[in-house]
Protein backbone atom coordinates (compact mmCIF):
# COMPACT_ATOMS: atom_id res chain seq x y z
CA MET A 1 -35.52 43.95 52.68
CA TYR A 2 -35.11 40.91 50.39
CA PHE A 3 -36.84 40.68 47.04
CA ARG A 4 -37.13 37.50 45.11
CA GLY A 5 -34.57 37.22 42.35
CA GLN A 6 -32.06 39.72 43.72
CA GLU A 7 -29.68 37.07 45.03
CA VAL A 8 -28.66 33.93 43.27
CA PRO A 9 -26.78 31.51 45.48
CA TYR A 10 -24.97 29.65 42.68
CA PHE A 11 -23.88 30.61 39.22
CA ILE A 12 -23.00 28.23 36.45
CA ASP A 13 -20.06 29.58 34.50
CA ILE A 14 -21.22 29.27 30.91
CA ASN A 15 -18.00 30.87 29.70
CA ARG A 16 -15.79 28.14 31.09
CA TYR A 17 -12.93 26.87 29.01
CA MET A 18 -13.86 24.32 26.35
CA ILE A 19 -11.11 22.07 25.04
CA ASP A 20 -10.50 22.51 21.32
CA LYS A 21 -10.93 19.37 19.20
CA LYS A 22 -8.08 20.46 16.89
CA ILE A 23 -5.67 20.61 19.83
CA VAL A 24 -6.71 17.13 20.97
CA LEU A 25 -6.27 15.79 17.43
CA GLU A 26 -2.80 17.34 17.16
CA ILE A 27 -1.77 15.76 20.48
CA VAL A 28 -3.11 12.35 19.44
CA GLU A 29 -1.39 12.48 16.04
CA LYS A 30 1.89 13.49 17.71
CA GLU A 31 1.60 10.60 20.18
CA ILE A 32 0.83 7.95 17.54
CA ALA A 33 3.42 9.17 15.02
CA ASP A 34 5.90 6.41 14.14
CA THR A 35 3.35 3.71 15.00
CA ASP A 36 0.86 1.82 12.85
CA LEU A 37 -2.04 3.43 14.74
CA PHE A 38 -4.44 5.79 13.01
CA VAL A 39 -7.21 8.07 14.28
CA VAL A 40 -10.75 6.99 13.48
CA GLU A 41 -12.62 9.69 15.37
CA VAL A 42 -12.09 12.45 17.93
CA THR A 43 -15.03 14.16 19.61
CA VAL A 44 -15.14 16.80 22.32
CA SER A 45 -18.49 17.62 23.90
CA THR A 46 -19.47 20.96 25.40
CA SER A 47 -18.89 19.42 28.83
CA ASN A 48 -15.28 18.54 27.83
CA ALA A 49 -15.95 14.82 27.46
CA ILE A 50 -13.17 13.78 25.08
CA SER A 51 -13.65 10.57 23.12
CA ILE A 52 -10.87 9.20 20.94
CA MET A 53 -11.23 6.15 18.71
CA ILE A 54 -8.09 4.62 17.22
CA ASP A 55 -7.29 1.58 15.11
CA SER A 56 -4.38 -0.16 13.41
CA MET A 57 -3.93 -2.79 10.74
CA GLU A 58 -3.28 -5.39 13.46
CA GLY A 59 -5.90 -4.29 16.00
CA VAL A 60 -5.38 -2.31 19.20
CA PRO A 61 -4.73 -3.93 22.59
CA ILE A 62 -6.18 -2.25 25.68
CA SER A 63 -2.66 -1.54 26.96
CA THR A 64 -2.12 0.75 23.96
CA CYS A 65 -5.33 2.63 24.76
CA ILE A 66 -4.18 3.07 28.37
CA GLU A 67 -0.74 4.35 27.30
CA LEU A 68 -2.26 6.79 24.84
CA SER A 69 -4.78 8.00 27.42
CA ARG A 70 -2.00 8.73 29.92
CA ALA A 71 0.10 10.51 27.30
CA ILE A 72 -2.83 12.72 26.27
CA GLU A 73 -3.80 13.49 29.85
CA LYS A 74 -0.31 14.87 30.54
CA ASN A 75 -1.01 17.65 28.03
CA PHE A 76 -3.95 19.10 29.98
CA ASP A 77 -4.14 20.72 33.40
CA ARG A 78 -7.17 19.62 35.40
CA ASP A 79 -6.91 22.83 37.46
CA VAL A 80 -7.54 24.88 34.30
CA GLU A 81 -10.08 22.65 32.54
CA ASP A 82 -12.04 19.75 33.93
CA PHE A 83 -12.40 16.97 31.39
CA GLU A 84 -13.35 13.36 30.89
CA LEU A 85 -11.12 11.26 28.61
CA GLN A 86 -11.96 8.00 26.87
CA VAL A 87 -9.58 6.25 24.47
CA ALA A 88 -10.89 3.14 22.69
CA SER A 89 -10.22 1.00 19.67
CA ALA A 90 -12.67 0.94 16.76
CA GLY A 91 -15.39 -1.59 17.48
CA ILE A 92 -16.19 -4.70 15.52
CA GLY A 93 -19.32 -4.28 13.45
CA GLN A 94 -19.17 -0.48 13.65
CA PRO A 95 -19.40 1.51 10.40
CA PHE A 96 -16.08 2.47 8.81
CA GLN A 97 -15.26 6.13 9.27
CA VAL A 98 -11.85 6.53 7.61
CA ILE A 99 -10.28 5.09 4.47
CA GLN A 100 -7.63 3.22 6.49
CA GLN A 101 -10.41 0.98 7.82
CA TYR A 102 -11.27 0.01 4.25
CA HIS A 103 -7.62 -0.82 3.54
CA LYS A 104 -7.44 -2.87 6.75
CA ASN A 105 -10.38 -5.00 5.60
CA ILE A 106 -9.27 -5.80 2.03
CA GLY A 107 -9.95 -9.49 1.44
CA LYS A 108 -12.48 -9.66 4.26
CA GLU A 109 -16.25 -9.86 4.18
CA VAL A 110 -18.08 -6.53 4.51
CA GLU A 111 -21.62 -5.21 4.32
CA VAL A 112 -22.15 -2.11 2.19
CA LEU A 113 -25.35 -0.10 2.62
CA THR A 114 -25.88 2.25 -0.31
CA THR A 115 -27.53 5.65 -0.14
CA GLU A 116 -30.52 4.04 -1.91
CA GLY A 117 -30.93 1.63 1.03
CA VAL A 118 -29.67 -1.52 -0.75
CA LYS A 119 -27.34 -3.88 1.18
CA TYR A 120 -24.55 -5.86 -0.45
CA LYS A 121 -22.52 -8.51 1.42
CA GLY A 122 -19.27 -9.62 -0.11
CA ASN A 123 -15.50 -9.60 -0.04
CA LEU A 124 -13.80 -6.23 -0.25
CA ILE A 125 -11.33 -6.61 -3.10
CA THR A 126 -10.03 -3.12 -3.88
CA VAL A 127 -10.00 0.33 -2.33
CA GLY A 128 -9.29 3.36 -4.50
CA GLU A 129 -9.20 7.07 -3.79
CA ASN A 130 -12.87 7.51 -4.63
CA GLU A 131 -14.38 4.02 -4.71
CA ILE A 132 -14.33 0.44 -3.51
CA GLU A 133 -15.06 -2.89 -5.19
CA ILE A 134 -16.63 -5.93 -3.60
CA GLU A 135 -17.26 -9.44 -4.89
CA VAL A 136 -20.72 -10.76 -4.08
CA GLU A 137 -21.80 -14.40 -4.45
CA GLU A 138 -25.37 -14.52 -5.72
CA LYS A 139 -27.70 -17.37 -6.67
CA VAL A 140 -29.18 -16.72 -10.09
CA LYS A 141 -31.28 -18.70 -12.52
CA VAL A 142 -29.07 -19.85 -15.36
CA GLU A 143 -30.74 -20.64 -18.67
CA GLY A 144 -30.86 -24.38 -19.32
CA LYS A 145 -30.32 -25.30 -15.65
CA LYS A 146 -32.98 -26.43 -13.19
CA LYS A 147 -31.30 -25.13 -10.04
CA LYS A 148 -30.04 -21.66 -9.36
CA GLN A 149 -26.28 -21.39 -9.76
CA ILE A 150 -23.88 -19.37 -7.61
CA VAL A 151 -22.35 -16.55 -9.62
CA VAL A 152 -19.73 -14.10 -8.36
CA ASN A 153 -20.46 -10.51 -9.38
CA THR A 154 -18.19 -7.54 -8.80
CA TYR A 155 -19.79 -4.28 -7.69
CA SER A 156 -18.09 -0.91 -7.59
CA PHE A 157 -19.27 1.88 -5.29
CA ALA A 158 -18.12 5.49 -5.16
CA PHE A 159 -17.75 6.71 -1.58
CA ASP A 160 -20.59 9.19 -2.10
CA GLN A 161 -22.89 6.24 -2.95
CA ILE A 162 -22.13 4.51 0.36
CA LYS A 163 -24.21 5.23 3.45
CA SER A 164 -22.19 2.81 5.62
CA THR A 165 -19.77 -0.09 5.41
CA LYS A 166 -19.24 -2.60 8.22
CA ASP A 167 -17.02 -5.61 8.64
CA ILE A 168 -18.79 -8.95 9.03
CA ILE A 169 -17.40 -11.33 11.61
CA THR A 170 -17.81 -15.02 10.84
CA PHE A 171 -16.94 -17.85 13.20
């Protein structure tokens, strides 16, 4: 006699092997050692979807992403763990995630969004251990002048005051 619920035709193995993010990061850092590449972000989802974002001071060609992807894939056995792997370069207009991205963009125009919600657009002039400085051109009313004058102001932001920083592309 068969009772409902006694037999289950398929089980989902919830205890399957999940790839450790630290191991992936170690492999990536080993593979990019002695290059100008740096890691922006590594994520591993519960379904073993591995996403690696890299960058360099000169940009990252797609051929480099392909080479790195192949080198990383050699370190995992698909018979033991099924995974999805994506290697990409940091996108234009995406928020900076590591300090190397700030250094890469010194002298370039950036947009800084503070934790108070105020946006500043200007040239990134210095990057320190705990802060950055940007030069912002602003039109201000100067006493004795009829028209507003362009004045360059320097603003300093501690990293804990910054919600996001993005590069601005101008053509």
